[in-house]
Amino acid sequence: QMPMAFLYFTNDLFGYSEKLENVR
């Protein structure tokens, strides 16, 4: 049926300060 054109799956380009620990 192609009601949508699927394009891409993303990677999570996550960032955080190294002052934080135990970040999931």
PDB file of all heavy atoms in Angstrom:
ATOM      1  N   GLN A   1       0.819  -1.213   0.000  1.00  0.00           N
ATOM      2  CA  GLN A   1       0.000   0.000   0.000  1.00  0.00           C
ATOM      3  C   GLN A   1       0.855   1.266   0.000  1.00  0.00           C
ATOM      4  O   GLN A   1       0.423   2.300  -0.503  1.00  0.00           O
ATOM      5  CB  GLN A   1      -0.932  -0.003   1.206  1.00  0.00           C
ATOM      6  CG  GLN A   1      -2.012  -1.066   1.155  1.00  0.00           C
ATOM      7  CD  GLN A   1      -3.130  -0.788   2.138  1.00  0.00           C
ATOM      8  OE1 GLN A   1      -3.385   0.347   2.536  1.00  0.00           O
ATOM      9  NE2 GLN A   1      -3.831  -1.833   2.542  1.00  0.00           N
ATOM     10  N   MET A   2       2.036   1.197   0.598  1.00  0.00           N
ATOM     11  CA  MET A   2       2.984   2.310   0.636  1.00  0.00           C
ATOM     12  C   MET A   2       2.326   3.634   1.061  1.00  0.00           C
ATOM     13  O   MET A   2       2.403   4.652   0.362  1.00  0.00           O
ATOM     14  CB  MET A   2       3.651   2.482  -0.729  1.00  0.00           C
ATOM     15  CG  MET A   2       4.903   3.343  -0.725  1.00  0.00           C
ATOM     16  SD  MET A   2       6.286   2.656   0.220  1.00  0.00           S
ATOM     17  CE  MET A   2       6.764   1.261  -0.815  1.00  0.00           C
ATOM     18  N   PRO A   3       1.670   3.687   2.217  1.00  0.00           N
ATOM     19  CA  PRO A   3       1.101   4.956   2.670  1.00  0.00           C
ATOM     20  C   PRO A   3       2.153   5.930   3.168  1.00  0.00           C
ATOM     21  O   PRO A   3       1.888   7.123   3.302  1.00  0.00           O
ATOM     22  CB  PRO A   3       0.170   4.542   3.810  1.00  0.00           C
ATOM     23  CG  PRO A   3       0.798   3.289   4.345  1.00  0.00           C
ATOM     24  CD  PRO A   3       1.383   2.593   3.158  1.00  0.00           C
ATOM     25  N   MET A   4       3.336   5.418   3.449  1.00  0.00           N
ATOM     26  CA  MET A   4       4.452   6.270   3.848  1.00  0.00           C
ATOM     27  C   MET A   4       5.738   5.703   3.261  1.00  0.00           C
ATOM     28  O   MET A   4       5.837   4.489   3.025  1.00  0.00           O
ATOM     29  CB  MET A   4       4.569   6.393   5.370  1.00  0.00           C
ATOM     30  CG  MET A   4       4.821   5.098   6.093  1.00  0.00           C
ATOM     31  SD  MET A   4       3.319   4.266   6.670  1.00  0.00           S
ATOM     32  CE  MET A   4       2.960   5.214   8.145  1.00  0.00           C
ATOM     33  N   ALA A   5       6.673   6.581   3.006  1.00  0.00           N
ATOM     34  CA  ALA A   5       7.993   6.158   2.566  1.00  0.00           C
ATOM     35  C   ALA A   5       8.907   6.166   3.784  1.00  0.00           C
ATOM     36  O   ALA A   5       9.246   7.231   4.305  1.00  0.00           O
ATOM     37  CB  ALA A   5       8.525   7.095   1.490  1.00  0.00           C
ATOM     38  N   PHE A   6       9.253   4.990   4.268  1.00  0.00           N
ATOM     39  CA  PHE A   6      10.179   4.896   5.392  1.00  0.00           C
ATOM     40  C   PHE A   6      11.569   5.307   4.904  1.00  0.00           C
ATOM     41  O   PHE A   6      11.992   4.925   3.811  1.00  0.00           O
ATOM     42  CB  PHE A   6      10.183   3.481   5.960  1.00  0.00           C
ATOM     43  CG  PHE A   6       8.895   3.116   6.638  1.00  0.00           C
ATOM     44  CD1 PHE A   6       7.859   2.519   5.924  1.00  0.00           C
ATOM     45  CD2 PHE A   6       8.703   3.392   7.982  1.00  0.00           C
ATOM     46  CE1 PHE A   6       6.660   2.201   6.545  1.00  0.00           C
ATOM     47  CE2 PHE A   6       7.502   3.080   8.609  1.00  0.00           C
ATOM     48  CZ  PHE A   6       6.483   2.486   7.887  1.00  0.00           C
ATOM     49  N   LEU A   7      12.268   6.060   5.727  1.00  0.00           N
ATOM     50  CA  LEU A   7      13.523   6.666   5.278  1.00  0.00           C
ATOM     51  C   LEU A   7      14.755   6.070   5.956  1.00  0.00           C
ATOM     52  O   LEU A   7      15.619   5.516   5.295  1.00  0.00           O
ATOM     53  CB  LEU A   7      13.473   8.177   5.514  1.00  0.00           C
ATOM     54  CG  LEU A   7      12.317   8.911   4.826  1.00  0.00           C
ATOM     55  CD1 LEU A   7      12.287  10.379   5.230  1.00  0.00           C
ATOM     56  CD2 LEU A   7      12.401   8.755   3.319  1.00  0.00           C
ATOM     57  N   TYR A   8      14.833   6.186   7.270  1.00  0.00           N
ATOM     58  CA  TYR A   8      16.046   5.716   7.951  1.00  0.00           C
ATOM     59  C   TYR A   8      15.772   5.487   9.433  1.00  0.00           C
ATOM     60  O   TYR A   8      14.830   6.036  10.004  1.00  0.00           O
ATOM     61  CB  TYR A   8      17.185   6.721   7.798  1.00  0.00           C
ATOM     62  CG  TYR A   8      16.852   8.140   8.223  1.00  0.00           C
ATOM     63  CD1 TYR A   8      17.004   8.549   9.549  1.00  0.00           C
ATOM     64  CD2 TYR A   8      16.400   9.074   7.301  1.00  0.00           C
ATOM     65  CE1 TYR A   8      16.694   9.843   9.946  1.00  0.00           C
ATOM     66  CE2 TYR A   8      16.088  10.372   7.682  1.00  0.00           C
ATOM     67  CZ  TYR A   8      16.242  10.745   9.009  1.00  0.00           C
ATOM     68  OH  TYR A   8      15.912  12.033   9.403  1.00  0.00           O
ATOM     69  N   PHE A   9      16.612   4.644  10.025  1.00  0.00           N
ATOM     70  CA  PHE A   9      16.642   4.447  11.465  1.00  0.00           C
ATOM     71  C   PHE A   9      17.808   5.255  12.016  1.00  0.00           C
ATOM     72  O   PHE A   9      18.906   5.270  11.433  1.00  0.00           O
ATOM     73  CB  PHE A   9      16.833   2.967  11.822  1.00  0.00           C
ATOM     74  CG  PHE A   9      15.699   2.097  11.388  1.00  0.00           C
ATOM     75  CD1 PHE A   9      15.745   1.442  10.163  1.00  0.00           C
ATOM     76  CD2 PHE A   9      14.579   1.947  12.180  1.00  0.00           C
ATOM     77  CE1 PHE A   9      14.699   0.643   9.748  1.00  0.00           C
ATOM     78  CE2 PHE A   9      13.521   1.157  11.775  1.00  0.00           C
ATOM     79  CZ  PHE A   9      13.584   0.495  10.545  1.00  0.00           C
ATOM     80  N   THR A  10      17.584   5.909  13.101  1.00  0.00           N
ATOM     81  CA  THR A  10      18.606   6.788  13.658  1.00  0.00           C
ATOM     82  C   THR A  10      19.398   6.107  14.765  1.00  0.00           C
ATOM     83  O   THR A  10      18.907   5.213  15.453  1.00  0.00           O
ATOM     84  CB  THR A  10      17.966   8.052  14.252  1.00  0.00           C
ATOM     85  OG1 THR A  10      17.039   7.670  15.281  1.00  0.00           O
ATOM     86  CG2 THR A  10      17.231   8.847  13.188  1.00  0.00           C
ATOM     87  N   ASN A  11      20.636   6.539  14.905  1.00  0.00           N
ATOM     88  CA  ASN A  11      21.386   6.265  16.116  1.00  0.00           C
ATOM     89  C   ASN A  11      21.112   7.404  17.086  1.00  0.00           C
ATOM     90  O   ASN A  11      20.910   8.555  16.679  1.00  0.00           O
ATOM     91  CB  ASN A  11      22.888   6.196  15.837  1.00  0.00           C
ATOM     92  CG  ASN A  11      23.286   4.912  15.136  1.00  0.00           C
ATOM     93  OD1 ASN A  11      22.432   4.151  14.690  1.00  0.00           O
ATOM     94  ND2 ASN A  11      24.581   4.671  15.032  1.00  0.00           N
ATOM     95  N   ASP A  12      21.097   7.091  18.352  1.00  0.00           N
ATOM     96  CA  ASP A  12      20.965   8.119  19.374  1.00  0.00           C
ATOM     97  C   ASP A  12      22.345   8.716  19.618  1.00  0.00           C
ATOM     98  O   ASP A  12      23.219   8.057  20.176  1.00  0.00           O
ATOM     99  CB  ASP A  12      20.407   7.501  20.654  1.00  0.00           C
ATOM    100  CG  ASP A  12      20.245   8.519  21.768  1.00  0.00           C
ATOM    101  OD1 ASP A  12      20.189   9.723  21.455  1.00  0.00           O
ATOM    102  OD2 ASP A  12      20.169   8.115  22.939  1.00  0.00           O
ATOM    103  N   LEU A  13      22.555   9.939  19.157  1.00  0.00           N
ATOM    104  CA  LEU A  13      23.830  10.636  19.368  1.00  0.00           C
ATOM    105  C   LEU A  13      23.731  11.409  20.674  1.00  0.00           C
ATOM    106  O   LEU A  13      23.531  12.617  20.710  1.00  0.00           O
ATOM    107  CB  LEU A  13      24.135  11.556  18.185  1.00  0.00           C
ATOM    108  CG  LEU A  13      24.201  10.867  16.814  1.00  0.00           C
ATOM    109  CD1 LEU A  13      24.622  11.856  15.745  1.00  0.00           C
ATOM    110  CD2 LEU A  13      25.145   9.675  16.839  1.00  0.00           C
ATOM    111  N   PHE A  14      23.846  10.658  21.732  1.00  0.00           N
ATOM    112  CA  PHE A  14      23.619  11.185  23.067  1.00  0.00           C
ATOM    113  C   PHE A  14      24.897  11.826  23.594  1.00  0.00           C
ATOM    114  O   PHE A  14      26.007  11.380  23.316  1.00  0.00           O
ATOM    115  CB  PHE A  14      23.182  10.042  23.986  1.00  0.00           C
ATOM    116  CG  PHE A  14      22.839  10.466  25.385  1.00  0.00           C
ATOM    117  CD1 PHE A  14      21.925  11.476  25.616  1.00  0.00           C
ATOM    118  CD2 PHE A  14      23.434   9.846  26.473  1.00  0.00           C
ATOM    119  CE1 PHE A  14      21.592  11.859  26.904  1.00  0.00           C
ATOM    120  CE2 PHE A  14      23.112  10.212  27.765  1.00  0.00           C
ATOM    121  CZ  PHE A  14      22.194  11.222  27.984  1.00  0.00           C
ATOM    122  N   GLY A  15      24.728  12.884  24.358  1.00  0.00           N
ATOM    123  CA  GLY A  15      25.877  13.535  24.958  1.00  0.00           C
ATOM    124  C   GLY A  15      25.571  14.000  26.361  1.00  0.00           C
ATOM    125  O   GLY A  15      24.429  14.354  26.677  1.00  0.00           O
ATOM    126  N   TYR A  16      26.574  13.970  27.222  1.00  0.00           N
ATOM    127  CA  TYR A  16      26.393  14.474  28.580  1.00  0.00           C
ATOM    128  C   TYR A  16      27.737  14.884  29.154  1.00  0.00           C
ATOM    129  O   TYR A  16      28.809  14.464  28.685  1.00  0.00           O
ATOM    130  CB  TYR A  16      25.705  13.443  29.475  1.00  0.00           C
ATOM    131  CG  TYR A  16      26.446  12.130  29.628  1.00  0.00           C
ATOM    132  CD1 TYR A  16      27.331  11.914  30.685  1.00  0.00           C
ATOM    133  CD2 TYR A  16      26.249  11.087  28.730  1.00  0.00           C
ATOM    134  CE1 TYR A  16      27.998  10.705  30.832  1.00  0.00           C
ATOM    135  CE2 TYR A  16      26.905   9.882  28.869  1.00  0.00           C
ATOM    136  CZ  TYR A  16      27.777   9.700  29.931  1.00  0.00           C
ATOM    137  OH  TYR A  16      28.443   8.507  30.072  1.00  0.00           O
ATOM    138  N   SER A  17      27.679  15.714  30.148  1.00  0.00           N
ATOM    139  CA  SER A  17      28.888  16.162  30.822  1.00  0.00           C
ATOM    140  C   SER A  17      29.462  15.025  31.655  1.00  0.00           C
ATOM    141  O   SER A  17      28.728  14.277  32.311  1.00  0.00           O
ATOM    142  CB  SER A  17      28.567  17.353  31.731  1.00  0.00           C
ATOM    143  OG  SER A  17      29.639  17.616  32.613  1.00  0.00           O
ATOM    144  N   GLU A  18      30.770  14.904  31.657  1.00  0.00           N
ATOM    145  CA  GLU A  18      31.417  13.859  32.439  1.00  0.00           C
ATOM    146  C   GLU A  18      31.397  14.156  33.933  1.00  0.00           C
ATOM    147  O   GLU A  18      31.887  13.346  34.725  1.00  0.00           O
ATOM    148  CB  GLU A  18      32.836  13.629  31.943  1.00  0.00           C
ATOM    149  CG  GLU A  18      32.850  12.962  30.558  1.00  0.00           C
ATOM    150  CD  GLU A  18      34.244  12.636  30.067  1.00  0.00           C
ATOM    151  OE1 GLU A  18      35.229  13.185  30.627  1.00  0.00           O
ATOM    152  OE2 GLU A  18      34.358  11.840  29.113  1.00  0.00           O
ATOM    153  N   LYS A  19      30.779  15.268  34.301  1.00  0.00           N
ATOM    154  CA  LYS A  19      30.548  15.487  35.732  1.00  0.00           C
ATOM    155  C   LYS A  19      29.426  14.582  36.238  1.00  0.00           C
ATOM    156  O   LYS A  19      29.243  14.414  37.438  1.00  0.00           O
ATOM    157  CB  LYS A  19      30.222  16.952  36.017  1.00  0.00           C
ATOM    158  CG  LYS A  19      28.775  17.355  35.809  1.00  0.00           C
ATOM    159  CD  LYS A  19      28.504  18.762  36.303  1.00  0.00           C
ATOM    160  CE  LYS A  19      27.013  19.054  36.373  1.00  0.00           C
ATOM    161  NZ  LYS A  19      26.726  20.397  36.864  1.00  0.00           N
ATOM    162  N   LEU A  20      28.667  14.002  35.266  1.00  0.00           N
ATOM    163  CA  LEU A  20      27.607  13.058  35.621  1.00  0.00           C
ATOM    164  C   LEU A  20      28.131  11.630  35.524  1.00  0.00           C
ATOM    165  O   LEU A  20      28.838  11.283  34.576  1.00  0.00           O
ATOM    166  CB  LEU A  20      26.412  13.212  34.679  1.00  0.00           C
ATOM    167  CG  LEU A  20      25.710  14.565  34.632  1.00  0.00           C
ATOM    168  CD1 LEU A  20      24.568  14.528  33.620  1.00  0.00           C
ATOM    169  CD2 LEU A  20      25.189  14.966  36.009  1.00  0.00           C
ATOM    170  N   GLU A  21      27.756  10.815  36.493  1.00  0.00           N
ATOM    171  CA  GLU A  21      28.076   9.398  36.472  1.00  0.00           C
ATOM    172  C   GLU A  21      26.780   8.593  36.520  1.00  0.00           C
ATOM    173  O   GLU A  21      25.726   9.103  36.890  1.00  0.00           O
ATOM    174  CB  GLU A  21      28.964   9.015  37.664  1.00  0.00           C
ATOM    175  CG  GLU A  21      30.319   9.723  37.695  1.00  0.00           C
ATOM    176  CD  GLU A  21      31.129   9.361  38.936  1.00  0.00           C
ATOM    177  OE1 GLU A  21      30.756   8.383  39.623  1.00  0.00           O
ATOM    178  OE2 GLU A  21      32.121  10.054  39.221  1.00  0.00           O
ATOM    179  N   ASN A  22      26.870   7.323  36.141  1.00  0.00           N
ATOM    180  CA  ASN A  22      25.735   6.390  36.162  1.00  0.00           C
ATOM    181  C   ASN A  22      24.627   6.774  35.188  1.00  0.00           C
ATOM    182  O   ASN A  22      23.461   6.441  35.406  1.00  0.00           O
ATOM    183  CB  ASN A  22      25.139   6.270  37.575  1.00  0.00           C
ATOM    184  CG  ASN A  22      26.142   5.797  38.599  1.00  0.00           C
ATOM    185  OD1 ASN A  22      27.071   5.056  38.286  1.00  0.00           O
ATOM    186  ND2 ASN A  22      25.978   6.249  39.835  1.00  0.00           N
ATOM    187  N   VAL A  23      24.979   7.472  34.128  1.00  0.00           N
ATOM    188  CA  VAL A  23      23.991   7.847  33.121  1.00  0.00           C
ATOM    189  C   VAL A  23      23.693   6.637  32.236  1.00  0.00           C
ATOM    190  O   VAL A  23      24.603   5.993  31.721  1.00  0.00           O
ATOM    191  CB  VAL A  23      24.497   9.020  32.258  1.00  0.00           C
ATOM    192  CG1 VAL A  23      23.497   9.343  31.151  1.00  0.00           C
ATOM    193  CG2 VAL A  23      24.751  10.233  33.129  1.00  0.00           C
ATOM    194  N   ARG A  24      22.426   6.345  32.089  1.00  0.00           N
ATOM    195  CA  ARG A  24      22.014   5.192  31.287  1.00  0.00           C
ATOM    196  C   ARG A  24      22.277   5.466  29.809  1.00  0.00           C
ATOM    197  O   ARG A  24      21.777   6.430  29.240  1.00  0.00           O
ATOM    198  CB  ARG A  24      20.522   4.914  31.504  1.00  0.00           C
ATOM    199  CG  ARG A  24      19.974   3.735  30.695  1.00  0.00           C
ATOM    200  CD  ARG A  24      18.462   3.705  30.775  1.00  0.00           C
ATOM    201  NE  ARG A  24      17.997   3.360  32.100  1.00  0.00           N
ATOM    202  CZ  ARG A  24      17.661   2.137  32.483  1.00  0.00           C
ATOM    203  NH1 ARG A  24      17.756   1.142  31.632  1.00  0.00           N
ATOM    204  NH2 ARG A  24      17.218   1.908  33.704  1.00  0.00           N
TER     205      ARG A  24
END
